[in-house]
Protein backbone atom coordinates (compact mmCIF):
# COMPACT_ATOMS: atom_id res chain seq x y z
CA MET A 1 119.90 74.22 104.40
CA LYS A 2 117.16 71.79 105.40
CA ALA A 3 114.76 74.61 106.28
CA VAL A 4 115.40 76.37 102.97
CA ILE A 5 114.78 73.16 101.00
CA VAL A 6 111.58 72.43 102.94
CA ALA A 7 110.28 75.98 102.38
CA THR A 8 111.04 75.78 98.64
CA ALA A 9 109.38 72.40 98.20
CA VAL A 10 106.27 73.36 100.18
CA ALA A 11 105.90 76.63 98.27
CA PHE A 12 106.22 74.85 94.92
CA ILE A 13 103.67 72.16 95.80
CA VAL A 14 101.13 74.56 97.34
CA SER A 15 101.42 76.92 94.36
CA LEU A 16 101.33 74.15 91.75
CA PHE A 17 98.16 72.59 93.13
CA GLY A 18 96.67 75.78 94.57
CA THR A 19 96.79 77.81 91.34
CA PRO A 20 94.13 75.64 89.59
CA VAL A 21 91.85 76.39 92.54
CA ALA A 22 92.51 80.11 92.00
CA ILE A 23 91.73 79.67 88.30
CA ARG A 24 88.35 78.14 89.09
CA VAL A 25 87.54 80.73 91.77
CA PHE A 26 88.45 83.79 89.72
CA THR A 27 86.76 82.35 86.63
CA ALA A 28 83.56 81.83 88.63
CA LEU A 29 83.82 85.39 89.93
CA LYS A 30 84.29 86.57 86.31
CA ALA A 31 87.57 88.23 87.29
CA GLY A 32 88.86 88.28 83.73
CA GLN A 33 91.81 90.41 82.65
CA PRO A 34 90.72 93.49 80.64
CA ILE A 35 92.91 93.90 77.54
CA ARG A 36 93.87 97.34 76.26
CA SER A 37 92.73 97.94 72.68
CA ILE A 38 95.88 99.96 71.92
CA GLY A 39 98.15 96.94 72.53
CA PRO A 40 99.22 94.27 70.04
CA ALA A 41 96.15 92.74 68.34
CA THR A 42 97.23 89.21 69.35
CA HIS A 43 96.49 90.09 72.98
CA LEU A 44 92.77 90.44 72.31
CA THR A 45 92.51 86.63 72.30
CA LYS A 46 93.49 86.71 76.00
CA THR A 47 90.42 88.68 77.00
CA GLY A 48 88.64 87.00 79.89
CA THR A 49 91.65 85.04 81.16
CA PRO A 50 91.37 85.14 84.96
CA THR A 51 93.70 87.54 86.72
CA MET A 52 94.83 88.15 90.32
CA GLY A 53 96.70 84.82 90.31
CA GLY A 54 99.42 86.41 92.41
CA VAL A 55 97.23 85.65 95.40
CA ALA A 56 98.14 81.96 94.92
CA PHE A 57 101.91 82.35 95.15
CA ILE A 58 101.72 84.95 97.91
CA LEU A 59 99.74 82.52 100.08
CA ALA A 60 102.05 79.66 99.08
CA THR A 61 105.10 81.66 100.18
CA VAL A 62 103.62 82.50 103.57
CA VAL A 63 102.62 78.86 104.16
CA ALA A 64 106.10 77.73 103.10
CA TYR A 65 107.75 80.16 105.49
CA VAL A 66 105.82 78.61 108.37
CA ALA A 67 106.82 75.14 107.16
CA GLY A 68 110.45 76.23 107.00
CA HIS A 69 110.31 77.36 110.62
CA VAL A 70 108.84 74.03 111.63
CA ALA A 71 111.83 72.38 109.93
CA LEU A 72 114.17 74.68 111.87
CA THR A 73 113.00 73.18 115.17
CA THR A 74 114.55 69.85 114.16
CA LEU A 75 118.04 71.34 113.69
CA PRO A 76 120.84 71.39 116.29
CA GLU A 77 120.67 74.52 118.43
CA ARG A 78 123.80 76.12 116.92
CA GLN A 79 122.21 76.00 113.49
CA ILE A 80 119.06 77.80 114.60
CA ALA A 81 119.96 81.42 113.96
CA GLN A 82 116.67 82.67 115.37
CA GLU A 83 113.54 81.38 117.06
CA GLY A 84 110.16 82.37 115.71
CA PRO A 85 109.43 85.11 113.15
CA THR A 86 112.02 87.88 113.06
CA MET A 87 111.79 91.54 112.12
CA THR A 88 113.48 90.62 108.83
CA ALA A 89 110.67 88.21 108.03
CA LEU A 90 108.02 90.70 109.08
CA VAL A 91 109.53 93.37 106.82
CA LEU A 92 110.00 91.11 103.78
CA LEU A 93 106.69 89.27 104.03
CA GLY A 94 104.97 92.53 104.98
CA LEU A 95 106.22 94.19 101.79
CA PHE A 96 105.16 91.12 99.82
CA VAL A 97 101.64 90.99 101.23
CA PHE A 98 100.83 94.70 101.53
CA CYS A 99 102.18 95.75 98.13
CA GLY A 100 100.23 92.78 96.83
CA ALA A 101 97.18 94.32 98.52
CA VAL A 102 97.76 97.58 96.61
CA GLY A 103 97.87 95.55 93.41
CA PHE A 104 94.74 93.63 94.44
CA VAL A 105 92.79 96.89 94.73
CA ASP A 106 94.09 97.92 91.30
CA ASP A 107 93.05 94.59 89.77
CA LEU A 108 89.66 94.66 91.47
CA LEU A 109 88.88 98.09 90.04
CA LYS A 110 89.88 96.92 86.55
CA VAL A 111 87.63 93.88 86.81
CA ARG A 112 84.66 95.84 88.13
CA ARG A 113 84.99 98.58 85.52
CA ARG A 114 85.67 96.06 82.74
CA ASN A 115 88.59 98.09 81.42
CA SER A 116 92.31 98.52 82.08
CA ASP A 117 91.84 101.62 84.24
CA GLY A 118 92.46 100.61 87.85
CA LEU A 119 94.11 102.82 90.41
CA SER A 120 95.49 106.05 89.02
CA ALA A 121 99.27 106.25 88.67
CA LYS A 122 99.37 108.64 91.62
CA GLY A 123 97.15 106.36 93.70
CA LYS A 124 99.32 103.34 93.00
CA LEU A 125 102.53 105.23 93.80
CA LEU A 126 100.98 106.56 97.00
CA GLY A 127 100.06 103.05 98.10
CA GLN A 128 103.55 101.74 97.35
CA ALA A 129 105.15 104.70 99.15
CA LEU A 130 103.02 104.21 102.25
CA VAL A 131 103.86 100.51 102.41
CA GLY A 132 107.54 101.15 101.70
CA GLY A 133 107.69 103.98 104.24
CA GLY A 134 106.02 101.98 106.99
CA PHE A 135 108.25 98.96 106.62
CA GLY A 136 111.26 101.19 105.94
CA VAL A 137 110.85 102.75 109.36
CA ALA A 138 110.61 99.27 110.91
CA ALA A 139 113.70 98.16 108.98
CA LEU A 140 115.77 101.15 110.15
CA TYR A 141 114.51 101.83 113.65
CA VAL A 142 113.75 98.40 115.15
CA ALA A 143 117.02 96.75 116.16
CA SER A 144 117.74 93.25 117.43
CA THR A 145 119.33 92.60 120.81
CA ASN A 146 122.79 93.04 119.28
CA GLY A 147 121.81 96.36 117.68
CA GLN A 148 121.50 95.02 114.12
CA THR A 149 118.71 96.40 111.91
CA VAL A 150 117.18 94.94 108.76
CA ALA A 151 118.33 97.90 106.65
CA SER A 152 121.41 100.06 106.97
CA GLU A 153 122.16 103.78 107.09
CA HIS A 154 124.65 103.26 104.26
CA ILE A 155 124.13 102.74 100.54
CA SER A 156 125.33 99.23 99.70
CA LEU A 157 126.80 97.44 96.70
CA ILE A 158 127.96 94.00 97.85
CA ARG A 159 128.11 95.24 101.42
CA ASP A 160 127.70 98.67 103.00
CA ILE A 161 129.81 101.39 101.41
CA SER A 162 131.34 103.09 104.46
CA TRP A 163 131.56 106.58 102.97
CA LEU A 164 127.96 106.57 101.69
CA ASP A 165 126.22 107.25 104.99
CA VAL A 166 122.82 108.85 104.35
CA GLY A 167 121.47 108.64 107.90
CA LYS A 168 118.26 106.97 109.04
CA VAL A 169 115.86 109.40 107.38
CA GLY A 170 117.81 109.23 104.14
CA SER A 171 117.87 105.44 104.34
CA VAL A 172 114.09 105.31 104.73
CA LEU A 173 113.75 107.46 101.61
CA VAL A 174 116.16 105.19 99.74
CA PHE A 175 114.18 102.19 100.98
CA VAL A 176 110.93 103.67 99.63
CA PHE A 177 112.59 104.44 96.29
CA VAL A 178 114.02 100.92 95.91
CA ILE A 179 110.70 99.26 96.77
CA THR A 180 108.70 101.53 94.46
CA ALA A 181 111.17 101.30 91.58
CA MET A 182 111.54 97.52 91.68
CA SER A 183 107.81 97.02 92.22
CA ASN A 184 106.98 99.08 89.14
CA GLY A 185 109.79 97.41 87.19
CA VAL A 186 108.28 93.97 87.66
CA ASN A 187 104.83 95.42 86.94
CA LEU A 188 106.02 96.79 83.59
CA THR A 189 107.65 93.45 82.76
CA ASP A 190 104.42 91.55 83.37
CA GLY A 191 102.99 91.84 79.87
CA LEU A 192 103.55 88.44 78.24
CA ASP A 193 102.68 84.93 79.40
CA GLY A 194 105.25 83.79 81.94
CA LEU A 195 107.70 86.63 81.33
CA ALA A 196 107.71 88.30 84.75
CA THR A 197 107.15 85.01 86.56
CA GLY A 198 110.13 83.26 85.00
CA ALA A 199 112.41 86.27 85.43
CA SER A 200 111.35 86.56 89.07
CA VAL A 201 112.22 82.90 89.68
CA LEU A 202 115.78 83.62 88.53
CA VAL A 203 116.17 86.80 90.60
CA LEU A 204 114.61 85.29 93.73
CA GLY A 205 116.80 82.21 93.32
CA ALA A 206 119.84 84.47 93.22
CA TYR A 207 118.81 86.13 96.47
CA ALA A 208 118.22 82.74 98.07
CA LEU A 209 121.84 81.86 97.23
CA ILE A 210 123.13 85.22 98.47
CA GLY A 211 121.18 84.92 101.71
CA PHE A 212 122.41 81.40 102.39
CA TRP A 213 126.01 82.33 101.55
CA GLN A 214 125.78 85.21 103.98
CA TYR A 215 124.36 82.86 106.61
CA ARG A 216 127.36 80.53 106.16
CA HIS A 217 129.70 83.53 106.58
CA TRP A 218 127.71 85.50 109.11
CA CYS A 219 129.45 87.78 111.59
CA ALA A 220 126.89 86.89 114.28
CA ASP A 221 127.75 83.17 114.04
CA ASP A 222 130.51 82.44 116.56
CA GLY A 223 130.93 78.99 115.05
CA TYR A 224 132.10 80.41 111.73
CA ALA A 225 135.86 80.16 111.35
CA ARG A 226 136.42 83.53 109.71
CA VAL A 227 139.13 84.07 107.15
CA ASP A 228 140.79 87.43 107.81
CA GLU A 229 137.67 88.32 109.79
CA TYR A 230 135.70 88.47 106.51
CA CYS A 231 132.00 88.07 107.23
CA TYR A 232 128.66 89.66 106.40
CA GLN A 233 127.03 92.23 108.69
CA VAL A 234 123.39 91.45 107.92
CA ARG A 235 120.42 90.57 110.06
CA ASP A 236 118.82 87.09 109.90
CA PRO A 237 120.37 85.85 106.62
CA LEU A 238 118.79 82.40 106.99
CA GLU A 239 115.37 84.08 107.08
CA ILE A 240 116.30 85.97 103.92
CA ALA A 241 117.34 82.77 102.14
CA MET A 242 114.22 80.93 103.29
CA ILE A 243 111.81 83.63 102.12
CA ALA A 244 113.57 84.18 98.78
CA ALA A 245 113.70 80.44 98.10
CA ALA A 246 110.05 79.98 99.10
CA ALA A 247 108.95 82.81 96.79
CA ALA A 248 111.03 81.34 93.94
CA GLY A 249 109.46 77.91 94.48
CA ALA A 250 105.97 79.44 94.60
CA CYS A 251 106.57 81.34 91.36
CA LEU A 252 107.87 78.17 89.71
CA GLY A 253 104.68 76.32 90.63
CA PHE A 254 102.62 79.25 89.34
CA LEU A 255 104.62 79.30 86.09
CA TRP A 256 103.22 75.85 85.21
CA TRP A 257 99.85 77.56 84.67
CA ASN A 258 101.09 81.02 83.68
CA THR A 259 103.32 80.02 80.78
CA SER A 260 102.03 80.37 77.21
CA PRO A 261 99.14 79.98 76.70
CA ALA A 262 98.46 81.33 80.18
CA ARG A 263 95.54 79.86 82.11
CA ILE A 264 95.81 82.70 84.63
CA PHE A 265 97.65 86.01 84.97
CA MET A 266 99.39 87.14 88.15
CA GLY A 267 97.85 90.61 87.87
CA ASP A 268 99.13 93.66 89.70
CA VAL A 269 98.61 91.81 92.97
CA GLY A 270 101.44 89.51 91.90
CA SER A 271 103.77 91.88 90.08
CA LEU A 272 103.73 94.65 92.70
CA ALA A 273 104.24 92.07 95.45
CA LEU A 274 107.18 90.41 93.70
CA GLY A 275 108.91 93.69 92.95
CA ALA A 276 108.51 94.88 96.53
CA LEU A 277 109.92 91.61 97.86
CA ILE A 278 112.91 91.74 95.52
CA GLY A 279 113.60 95.34 96.56
CA GLY A 280 113.35 94.34 100.21
CA LEU A 281 115.75 91.45 99.66
CA ALA A 282 118.25 93.83 98.05
CA VAL A 283 118.18 96.15 101.05
CA ALA A 284 118.25 93.35 103.63
CA THR A 285 121.26 91.63 102.01
CA ARG A 286 123.13 94.95 101.66
CA THR A 287 123.18 94.61 97.85
CA THR A 288 121.07 97.62 96.91
CA LEU A 289 123.19 98.78 93.97
CA LEU A 290 123.98 95.20 92.92
CA SER A 291 120.23 94.63 92.48
CA ILE A 292 120.42 96.87 89.41
CA LEU A 293 122.50 94.12 87.78
CA ILE A 294 120.74 91.11 89.31
CA GLY A 295 117.36 92.51 88.26
CA GLY A 296 118.79 93.69 84.96
CA LEU A 297 115.75 92.73 82.88
CA PHE A 298 113.40 94.73 85.08
CA VAL A 299 115.78 97.69 84.97
CA LEU A 300 116.12 97.47 81.18
CA ILE A 301 112.36 97.46 80.65
CA THR A 302 111.90 100.36 83.09
CA VAL A 303 114.69 102.47 81.54
CA THR A 304 113.39 101.97 77.99
CA TRP A 305 109.90 102.92 79.18
CA VAL A 306 111.28 106.14 80.69
CA ILE A 307 113.23 106.89 77.48
CA GLN A 308 110.06 106.48 75.42
CA ILE A 309 108.00 108.74 77.69
CA VAL A 310 110.66 111.47 77.87
CA SER A 311 111.32 111.36 74.12
CA TYR A 312 107.63 111.56 73.20
CA ARG A 313 106.87 114.39 75.63
CA THR A 314 109.89 116.47 74.65
CA THR A 315 110.18 115.81 70.90
CA GLY A 316 106.91 114.13 69.94
CA ARG A 317 108.88 111.14 68.61
CA ARG A 318 108.88 107.53 69.78
CA VAL A 319 112.17 105.67 70.14
CA PHE A 320 110.42 102.29 70.23
CA ARG A 321 107.34 101.04 68.40
CA MET A 322 105.65 100.54 71.75
CA VAL A 323 106.57 100.20 75.41
CA PRO A 324 107.08 98.25 77.58
CA LEU A 325 109.95 96.87 75.50
CA HIS A 326 108.50 93.40 74.88
CA HIS A 327 105.63 94.97 72.93
CA HIS A 328 108.17 96.67 70.65
CA PHE A 329 109.43 93.25 69.58
CA GLU A 330 105.88 91.91 69.19
CA LEU A 331 105.14 94.69 66.72
CA ALA A 332 108.44 93.87 65.00
CA GLY A 333 107.09 90.38 64.28
CA TRP A 334 108.66 88.28 67.03
CA SER A 335 106.46 85.56 68.47
CA GLU A 336 105.43 85.84 72.12
CA VAL A 337 107.28 82.65 73.07
CA ASN A 338 110.49 83.83 71.38
CA ILE A 339 110.37 87.15 73.22
CA VAL A 340 109.76 85.47 76.59
CA VAL A 341 112.56 82.94 76.19
CA ARG A 342 115.04 85.53 74.96
CA PHE A 343 114.16 87.91 77.76
CA TRP A 344 114.59 85.04 80.22
CA VAL A 345 118.09 84.64 78.75
CA ILE A 346 118.77 88.33 79.45
CA ALA A 347 117.47 87.88 82.99
CA GLY A 348 119.65 84.79 83.46
CA VAL A 349 122.78 86.51 82.19
CA SER A 350 122.10 89.47 84.50
CA VAL A 351 121.65 87.17 87.48
CA ALA A 352 124.82 85.22 86.64
CA ALA A 353 126.80 88.45 86.31
CA GLY A 354 125.45 89.73 89.63
CA LEU A 355 126.25 86.50 91.46
CA GLY A 356 129.70 86.45 89.86
CA LEU A 357 130.42 89.96 91.10
CA PHE A 358 129.13 89.08 94.57
CA TYR A 359 131.34 85.98 94.80
CA SER A 360 134.39 87.70 93.27
CA ASP A 361 134.29 90.19 96.14
CA PHE A 362 134.50 87.30 98.59
CA LEU A 363 137.39 85.70 96.67
CA ALA A 364 139.26 89.00 96.54
CA ALA A 365 138.85 89.51 100.29
CA THR A 366 139.85 85.97 101.28
CA GLY A 367 142.44 85.73 98.55
């Protein structure tokens, strides 16, 4: 627990005091966010607000992870589940950094062209697929000394579903889909000041709790007095908890500057990175299907976006005034702050429901 707390605190502090530096740097570089003219008119006042702020919380998370490992060296040997960076950390932080790099290229093109056209949709998807595929192979094919891999050959809900064995190749494809879908879900959600950041804090916090709970009931821990042999077959759950908590703390520090009126936007570098990390956490904790509920806000915004696109292309009619969904409510007259807070409530309820389902499975098994 000490390492998780240290990582969270360091991430929050580095992000809180590092984001103003990013604001000054990106302002000096004239890296202002281009605003689409077809969006709500109120957004035009945000033109020129520096973007690419996701760089700040990505760096803060990596620094915090190192600090958390330093804290681990002070713990009794039985409590140290691993020494040095693990494959789990390399996969999760790799997804975070490299999907962030795809977003950085997208943001850079937007800034240079002075419009909202960055990478093409195909180019962005290709970048996400390459990153997801590379780390998916590492997650499925690189095992620890006890044979445990970061990802599983089974589809999971709260743990692996035994009869849903898709094999290693199938699991890599599922891995790529989860990373791409969640990454784009957070990207679509990032349209109002603080909306995606605050929702990500809640989801990442949930995965920090899940990771730590799994660490306390870990099959690889011989010191755990198992009840009816109920334990979690995951790899490096303490690493999972530490990284999720660090990312949540970093986002919370960033939110201080990103909330309305935003002094800086996370940009695609931030949203693609966060979505990829959340998808990676879902796979690593064996809660792939449960992530649909835990990340309910991201799923809702993605599904409504798909409904709008399909409806318009097949019937010529729009179901919503505008997508992503938050813009529909802006055009309906809701204030930006009201939309953000209410969507945070939806995100919070989704997270609470997901955690409740996760814990109810444990209660049912230990009865």
